[in-house]
Structures are given as structure tokens and as C-alpha cells.
PDB file of all heavy atoms in Angstrom:
ATOM      1  N   VAL A   1      33.794 -18.165  46.025  1.00  0.00           N
ATOM      2  CA  VAL A   1      34.897 -17.308  46.107  1.00  0.00           C
ATOM      3  C   VAL A   1      34.447 -15.910  46.139  1.00  0.00           C
ATOM      4  O   VAL A   1      33.746 -15.520  45.211  1.00  0.00           O
ATOM      5  CB  VAL A   1      35.968 -17.579  45.131  1.00  0.00           C
ATOM      6  CG1 VAL A   1      37.098 -16.549  45.252  1.00  0.00           C
ATOM      7  CG2 VAL A   1      36.542 -18.976  45.283  1.00  0.00           C
ATOM      8  N   GLN A   2      34.794 -15.076  47.093  1.00  0.00           N
ATOM      9  CA  GLN A   2      34.393 -13.717  47.234  1.00  0.00           C
ATOM     10  C   GLN A   2      35.571 -12.841  47.091  1.00  0.00           C
ATOM     11  O   GLN A   2      36.567 -13.028  47.775  1.00  0.00           O
ATOM     12  CB  GLN A   2      33.739 -13.456  48.581  1.00  0.00           C
ATOM     13  CG  GLN A   2      33.173 -12.030  48.731  1.00  0.00           C
ATOM     14  CD  GLN A   2      31.786 -11.944  48.146  1.00  0.00           C
ATOM     15  OE1 GLN A   2      30.833 -12.700  48.452  1.00  0.00           O
ATOM     16  NE2 GLN A   2      31.561 -10.890  47.338  1.00  0.00           N
ATOM     17  N   LEU A   3      35.511 -11.826  46.187  1.00  0.00           N
ATOM     18  CA  LEU A   3      36.556 -10.788  46.053  1.00  0.00           C
ATOM     19  C   LEU A   3      35.939  -9.489  46.573  1.00  0.00           C
ATOM     20  O   LEU A   3      34.859  -9.122  46.148  1.00  0.00           O
ATOM     21  CB  LEU A   3      36.990 -10.661  44.595  1.00  0.00           C
ATOM     22  CG  LEU A   3      37.612 -11.897  43.993  1.00  0.00           C
ATOM     23  CD1 LEU A   3      38.028 -11.519  42.562  1.00  0.00           C
ATOM     24  CD2 LEU A   3      38.948 -12.215  44.735  1.00  0.00           C
ATOM     25  N   VAL A   4      36.733  -8.802  47.404  1.00  0.00           N
ATOM     26  CA  VAL A   4      36.206  -7.526  47.960  1.00  0.00           C
ATOM     27  C   VAL A   4      37.217  -6.490  47.667  1.00  0.00           C
ATOM     28  O   VAL A   4      38.371  -6.526  48.082  1.00  0.00           O
ATOM     29  CB  VAL A   4      35.958  -7.628  49.475  1.00  0.00           C
ATOM     30  CG1 VAL A   4      35.542  -6.368  50.003  1.00  0.00           C
ATOM     31  CG2 VAL A   4      34.914  -8.750  49.781  1.00  0.00           C
ATOM     32  N   GLU A   5      36.819  -5.457  46.964  1.00  0.00           N
ATOM     33  CA  GLU A   5      37.677  -4.293  46.608  1.00  0.00           C
ATOM     34  C   GLU A   5      37.469  -3.166  47.635  1.00  0.00           C
ATOM     35  O   GLU A   5      36.402  -3.093  48.236  1.00  0.00           O
ATOM     36  CB  GLU A   5      37.304  -3.809  45.219  1.00  0.00           C
ATOM     37  CG  GLU A   5      37.541  -4.730  44.104  1.00  0.00           C
ATOM     38  CD  GLU A   5      36.323  -5.218  43.455  1.00  0.00           C
ATOM     39  OE1 GLU A   5      35.217  -5.220  44.080  1.00  0.00           O
ATOM     40  OE2 GLU A   5      36.396  -5.553  42.229  1.00  0.00           O
ATOM     41  N   SER A   6      38.496  -2.387  47.795  1.00  0.00           N
ATOM     42  CA  SER A   6      38.381  -1.242  48.585  1.00  0.00           C
ATOM     43  C   SER A   6      39.347  -0.108  48.102  1.00  0.00           C
ATOM     44  O   SER A   6      40.270  -0.438  47.300  1.00  0.00           O
ATOM     45  CB  SER A   6      38.693  -1.513  50.071  1.00  0.00           C
ATOM     46  OG  SER A   6      40.013  -1.922  50.250  1.00  0.00           O
ATOM     47  N   GLY A   7      39.093   1.164  48.505  1.00  0.00           N
ATOM     48  CA  GLY A   7      39.993   2.188  48.165  1.00  0.00           C
ATOM     49  C   GLY A   7      39.540   3.099  47.014  1.00  0.00           C
ATOM     50  O   GLY A   7      40.239   4.104  46.750  1.00  0.00           O
ATOM     51  N   GLY A   8      38.408   2.822  46.434  1.00  0.00           N
ATOM     52  CA  GLY A   8      37.877   3.649  45.465  1.00  0.00           C
ATOM     53  C   GLY A   8      37.370   5.012  45.986  1.00  0.00           C
ATOM     54  O   GLY A   8      37.193   5.092  47.237  1.00  0.00           O
ATOM     55  N   GLY A   9      37.134   5.899  45.202  1.00  0.00           N
ATOM     56  CA  GLY A   9      36.596   7.181  45.605  1.00  0.00           C
ATOM     57  C   GLY A   9      36.864   8.305  44.607  1.00  0.00           C
ATOM     58  O   GLY A   9      37.047   8.001  43.441  1.00  0.00           O
ATOM     59  N   LEU A  10      36.742   9.516  45.067  1.00  0.00           N
ATOM     60  CA  LEU A  10      36.888  10.692  44.268  1.00  0.00           C
ATOM     61  C   LEU A  10      38.232  11.301  44.465  1.00  0.00           C
ATOM     62  O   LEU A  10      38.731  11.450  45.630  1.00  0.00           O
ATOM     63  CB  LEU A  10      35.799  11.729  44.550  1.00  0.00           C
ATOM     64  CG  LEU A  10      35.865  13.047  43.925  1.00  0.00           C
ATOM     65  CD1 LEU A  10      35.601  13.007  42.483  1.00  0.00           C
ATOM     66  CD2 LEU A  10      34.919  14.071  44.573  1.00  0.00           C
ATOM     67  N   VAL A  11      38.922  11.637  43.373  1.00  0.00           N
ATOM     68  CA  VAL A  11      40.228  12.215  43.458  1.00  0.00           C
ATOM     69  C   VAL A  11      40.315  13.232  42.339  1.00  0.00           C
ATOM     70  O   VAL A  11      39.746  13.156  41.236  1.00  0.00           O
ATOM     71  CB  VAL A  11      41.361  11.131  43.330  1.00  0.00           C
ATOM     72  CG1 VAL A  11      41.294  10.482  41.952  1.00  0.00           C
ATOM     73  CG2 VAL A  11      42.761  11.695  43.623  1.00  0.00           C
ATOM     74  N   GLN A  12      41.230  14.346  42.535  1.00  0.00           N
ATOM     75  CA  GLN A  12      41.445  15.265  41.491  1.00  0.00           C
ATOM     76  C   GLN A  12      42.474  14.753  40.522  1.00  0.00           C
ATOM     77  O   GLN A  12      43.326  13.914  40.736  1.00  0.00           O
ATOM     78  CB  GLN A  12      42.036  16.517  42.195  1.00  0.00           C
ATOM     79  CG  GLN A  12      41.038  17.267  43.030  1.00  0.00           C
ATOM     80  CD  GLN A  12      41.655  18.621  43.607  1.00  0.00           C
ATOM     81  OE1 GLN A  12      42.921  18.753  43.592  1.00  0.00           O
ATOM     82  NE2 GLN A  12      40.796  19.429  44.054  1.00  0.00           N
ATOM     83  N   ALA A  13      42.341  15.232  39.291  1.00  0.00           N
ATOM     84  CA  ALA A  13      43.291  14.988  38.213  1.00  0.00           C
ATOM     85  C   ALA A  13      44.735  15.229  38.738  1.00  0.00           C
ATOM     86  O   ALA A  13      45.028  16.276  39.309  1.00  0.00           O
ATOM     87  CB  ALA A  13      42.943  15.715  36.980  1.00  0.00           C
ATOM     88  N   GLY A  14      45.650  14.326  38.448  1.00  0.00           N
ATOM     89  CA  GLY A  14      46.995  14.454  38.834  1.00  0.00           C
ATOM     90  C   GLY A  14      47.199  13.802  40.200  1.00  0.00           C
ATOM     91  O   GLY A  14      48.413  13.636  40.541  1.00  0.00           O
ATOM     92  N   GLY A  15      46.201  13.403  40.883  1.00  0.00           N
ATOM     93  CA  GLY A  15      46.302  12.753  42.133  1.00  0.00           C
ATOM     94  C   GLY A  15      46.512  11.309  42.092  1.00  0.00           C
ATOM     95  O   GLY A  15      46.672  10.737  41.024  1.00  0.00           O
ATOM     96  N   SER A  16      46.459  10.673  43.286  1.00  0.00           N
ATOM     97  CA  SER A  16      46.668   9.242  43.419  1.00  0.00           C
ATOM     98  C   SER A  16      45.659   8.505  44.195  1.00  0.00           C
ATOM     99  O   SER A  16      44.988   9.084  45.126  1.00  0.00           O
ATOM    100  CB  SER A  16      48.091   8.954  44.024  1.00  0.00           C
ATOM    101  OG  SER A  16      49.071   9.532  43.224  1.00  0.00           O
ATOM    102  N   LEU A  17      45.464   7.270  43.892  1.00  0.00           N
ATOM    103  CA  LEU A  17      44.570   6.362  44.718  1.00  0.00           C
ATOM    104  C   LEU A  17      45.289   5.018  44.740  1.00  0.00           C
ATOM    105  O   LEU A  17      46.008   4.644  43.880  1.00  0.00           O
ATOM    106  CB  LEU A  17      43.147   6.169  44.159  1.00  0.00           C
ATOM    107  CG  LEU A  17      42.119   7.296  44.400  1.00  0.00           C
ATOM    108  CD1 LEU A  17      40.921   6.972  43.626  1.00  0.00           C
ATOM    109  CD2 LEU A  17      41.821   7.463  45.920  1.00  0.00           C
ATOM    110  N   ARG A  18      45.011   4.247  45.828  1.00  0.00           N
ATOM    111  CA  ARG A  18      45.433   2.889  45.907  1.00  0.00           C
ATOM    112  C   ARG A  18      44.308   1.976  46.197  1.00  0.00           C
ATOM    113  O   ARG A  18      43.620   2.082  47.298  1.00  0.00           O
ATOM    114  CB  ARG A  18      46.477   2.805  47.114  1.00  0.00           C
ATOM    115  CG  ARG A  18      47.170   1.406  47.247  1.00  0.00           C
ATOM    116  CD  ARG A  18      48.202   1.383  48.286  1.00  0.00           C
ATOM    117  NE  ARG A  18      48.929   0.131  48.475  1.00  0.00           N
ATOM    118  CZ  ARG A  18      49.901  -0.233  47.720  1.00  0.00           C
ATOM    119  NH1 ARG A  18      50.418   0.540  46.833  1.00  0.00           N
ATOM    120  NH2 ARG A  18      50.456  -1.492  47.946  1.00  0.00           N
ATOM    121  N   LEU A  19      44.032   1.075  45.287  1.00  0.00           N
ATOM    122  CA  LEU A  19      43.029   0.099  45.397  1.00  0.00           C
ATOM    123  C   LEU A  19      43.467  -1.232  45.928  1.00  0.00           C
ATOM    124  O   LEU A  19      44.653  -1.564  45.743  1.00  0.00           O
ATOM    125  CB  LEU A  19      42.348  -0.206  44.020  1.00  0.00           C
ATOM    126  CG  LEU A  19      41.813   1.030  43.255  1.00  0.00           C
ATOM    127  CD1 LEU A  19      41.115   0.509  41.990  1.00  0.00           C
ATOM    128  CD2 LEU A  19      40.916   1.825  44.113  1.00  0.00           C
ATOM    129  N   SER A  20      42.636  -1.877  46.715  1.00  0.00           N
ATOM    130  CA  SER A  20      43.037  -3.163  47.225  1.00  0.00           C
ATOM    131  C   SER A  20      41.869  -4.154  46.910  1.00  0.00           C
ATOM    132  O   SER A  20      40.722  -3.781  46.835  1.00  0.00           O
ATOM    133  CB  SER A  20      43.177  -3.170  48.819  1.00  0.00           C
ATOM    134  OG  SER A  20      44.221  -2.199  49.182  1.00  0.00           O
ATOM    135  N   CYS A  21      42.248  -5.434  46.817  1.00  0.00           N
ATOM    136  CA  CYS A  21      41.273  -6.456  46.620  1.00  0.00           C
ATOM    137  C   CYS A  21      41.768  -7.810  47.221  1.00  0.00           C
ATOM    138  O   CYS A  21      42.948  -8.164  46.946  1.00  0.00           O
ATOM    139  CB  CYS A  21      41.046  -6.616  45.078  1.00  0.00           C
ATOM    140  SG  CYS A  21      39.792  -7.963  44.723  1.00  0.00           S
ATOM    141  N   ALA A  22      40.899  -8.402  47.977  1.00  0.00           N
ATOM    142  CA  ALA A  22      41.266  -9.663  48.652  1.00  0.00           C
ATOM    143  C   ALA A  22      40.273 -10.699  48.364  1.00  0.00           C
ATOM    144  O   ALA A  22      39.062 -10.454  48.363  1.00  0.00           O
ATOM    145  CB  ALA A  22      41.469  -9.435  50.134  1.00  0.00           C
ATOM    146  N   ALA A  23      40.778 -11.888  48.138  1.00  0.00           N
ATOM    147  CA  ALA A  23      39.864 -13.045  48.000  1.00  0.00           C
ATOM    148  C   ALA A  23      39.623 -13.667  49.301  1.00  0.00           C
ATOM    149  O   ALA A  23      40.631 -13.858  50.008  1.00  0.00           O
ATOM    150  CB  ALA A  23      40.445 -14.065  47.004  1.00  0.00           C
ATOM    151  N   SER A  24      38.448 -14.145  49.545  1.00  0.00           N
ATOM    152  CA  SER A  24      38.075 -14.678  50.815  1.00  0.00           C
ATOM    153  C   SER A  24      38.560 -16.184  50.900  1.00  0.00           C
ATOM    154  O   SER A  24      38.572 -16.873  49.923  1.00  0.00           O
ATOM    155  CB  SER A  24      36.700 -14.559  51.187  1.00  0.00           C
ATOM    156  OG  SER A  24      35.829 -15.220  50.210  1.00  0.00           O
ATOM    157  N   GLY A  25      38.856 -16.662  52.166  1.00  0.00           N
ATOM    158  CA  GLY A  25      39.132 -18.101  52.344  1.00  0.00           C
ATOM    159  C   GLY A  25      40.528 -18.453  52.123  1.00  0.00           C
ATOM    160  O   GLY A  25      41.100 -18.237  51.066  1.00  0.00           O
ATOM    161  N   ARG A  26      41.179 -18.989  53.161  1.00  0.00           N
ATOM    162  CA  ARG A  26      42.551 -19.478  52.993  1.00  0.00           C
ATOM    163  C   ARG A  26      42.741 -20.701  52.187  1.00  0.00           C
ATOM    164  O   ARG A  26      43.794 -21.054  51.831  1.00  0.00           O
ATOM    165  CB  ARG A  26      43.166 -19.666  54.446  1.00  0.00           C
ATOM    166  CG  ARG A  26      43.372 -18.368  55.172  1.00  0.00           C
ATOM    167  CD  ARG A  26      44.225 -18.645  56.442  1.00  0.00           C
ATOM    168  NE  ARG A  26      45.583 -19.183  56.059  1.00  0.00           N
ATOM    169  CZ  ARG A  26      46.591 -18.451  55.659  1.00  0.00           C
ATOM    170  NH1 ARG A  26      46.476 -17.179  55.541  1.00  0.00           N
ATOM    171  NH2 ARG A  26      47.721 -19.055  55.406  1.00  0.00           N
ATOM    172  N   THR A  27      41.602 -21.397  51.944  1.00  0.00           N
ATOM    173  CA  THR A  27      41.662 -22.602  51.098  1.00  0.00           C
ATOM    174  C   THR A  27      41.766 -22.257  49.544  1.00  0.00           C
ATOM    175  O   THR A  27      42.109 -23.142  48.824  1.00  0.00           O
ATOM    176  CB  THR A  27      40.384 -23.482  51.306  1.00  0.00           C
ATOM    177  OG1 THR A  27      39.260 -22.735  50.995  1.00  0.00           O
ATOM    178  CG2 THR A  27      40.313 -23.968  52.747  1.00  0.00           C
ATOM    179  N   PHE A  28      41.494 -21.084  49.258  1.00  0.00           N
ATOM    180  CA  PHE A  28      41.617 -20.682  47.862  1.00  0.00           C
ATOM    181  C   PHE A  28      43.059 -20.284  47.486  1.00  0.00           C
ATOM    182  O   PHE A  28      43.618 -19.429  48.234  1.00  0.00           O
ATOM    183  CB  PHE A  28      40.692 -19.457  47.511  1.00  0.00           C
ATOM    184  CG  PHE A  28      40.747 -19.011  46.159  1.00  0.00           C
ATOM    185  CD1 PHE A  28      40.147 -19.730  45.105  1.00  0.00           C
ATOM    186  CD2 PHE A  28      41.454 -17.806  45.836  1.00  0.00           C
ATOM    187  CE1 PHE A  28      40.262 -19.238  43.768  1.00  0.00           C
ATOM    188  CE2 PHE A  28      41.513 -17.405  44.542  1.00  0.00           C
ATOM    189  CZ  PHE A  28      40.890 -18.065  43.536  1.00  0.00           C
ATOM    190  N   SER A  29      43.558 -20.821  46.443  1.00  0.00           N
ATOM    191  CA  SER A  29      44.882 -20.496  45.964  1.00  0.00           C
ATOM    192  C   SER A  29      44.773 -20.038  44.474  1.00  0.00           C
ATOM    193  O   SER A  29      44.293 -20.796  43.658  1.00  0.00           O
ATOM    194  CB  SER A  29      45.830 -21.644  46.099  1.00  0.00           C
ATOM    195  OG  SER A  29      47.135 -21.396  45.622  1.00  0.00           O
ATOM    196  N   SER A  30      45.254 -18.891  44.195  1.00  0.00           N
ATOM    197  CA  SER A  30      45.061 -18.291  42.904  1.00  0.00           C
ATOM    198  C   SER A  30      46.438 -18.349  42.126  1.00  0.00           C
ATOM    199  O   SER A  30      47.502 -18.351  42.742  1.00  0.00           O
ATOM    200  CB  SER A  30      44.562 -16.834  42.913  1.00  0.00           C
ATOM    201  OG  SER A  30      45.494 -15.953  43.483  1.00  0.00           O
TER     202      SER A  30
END
């Protein structure tokens, strides 16, 4: 099972970020 995150980075204080993470494979049910 592979989990892949995205959306990280550099942001100023008071700002916003949105992280995403998806597990690979449609056979996996969490």
C-alpha cells in the first residue's frame, strides 16, 4: 500500500495550505 502526499511547501504565517494524500490501488479499503 502506497500513500502519496502533496501540497506541502513554504507559506507565510497567517496563510493557508491544503495537503492531499491518496492511497494507491482500488482494492484497498480503509
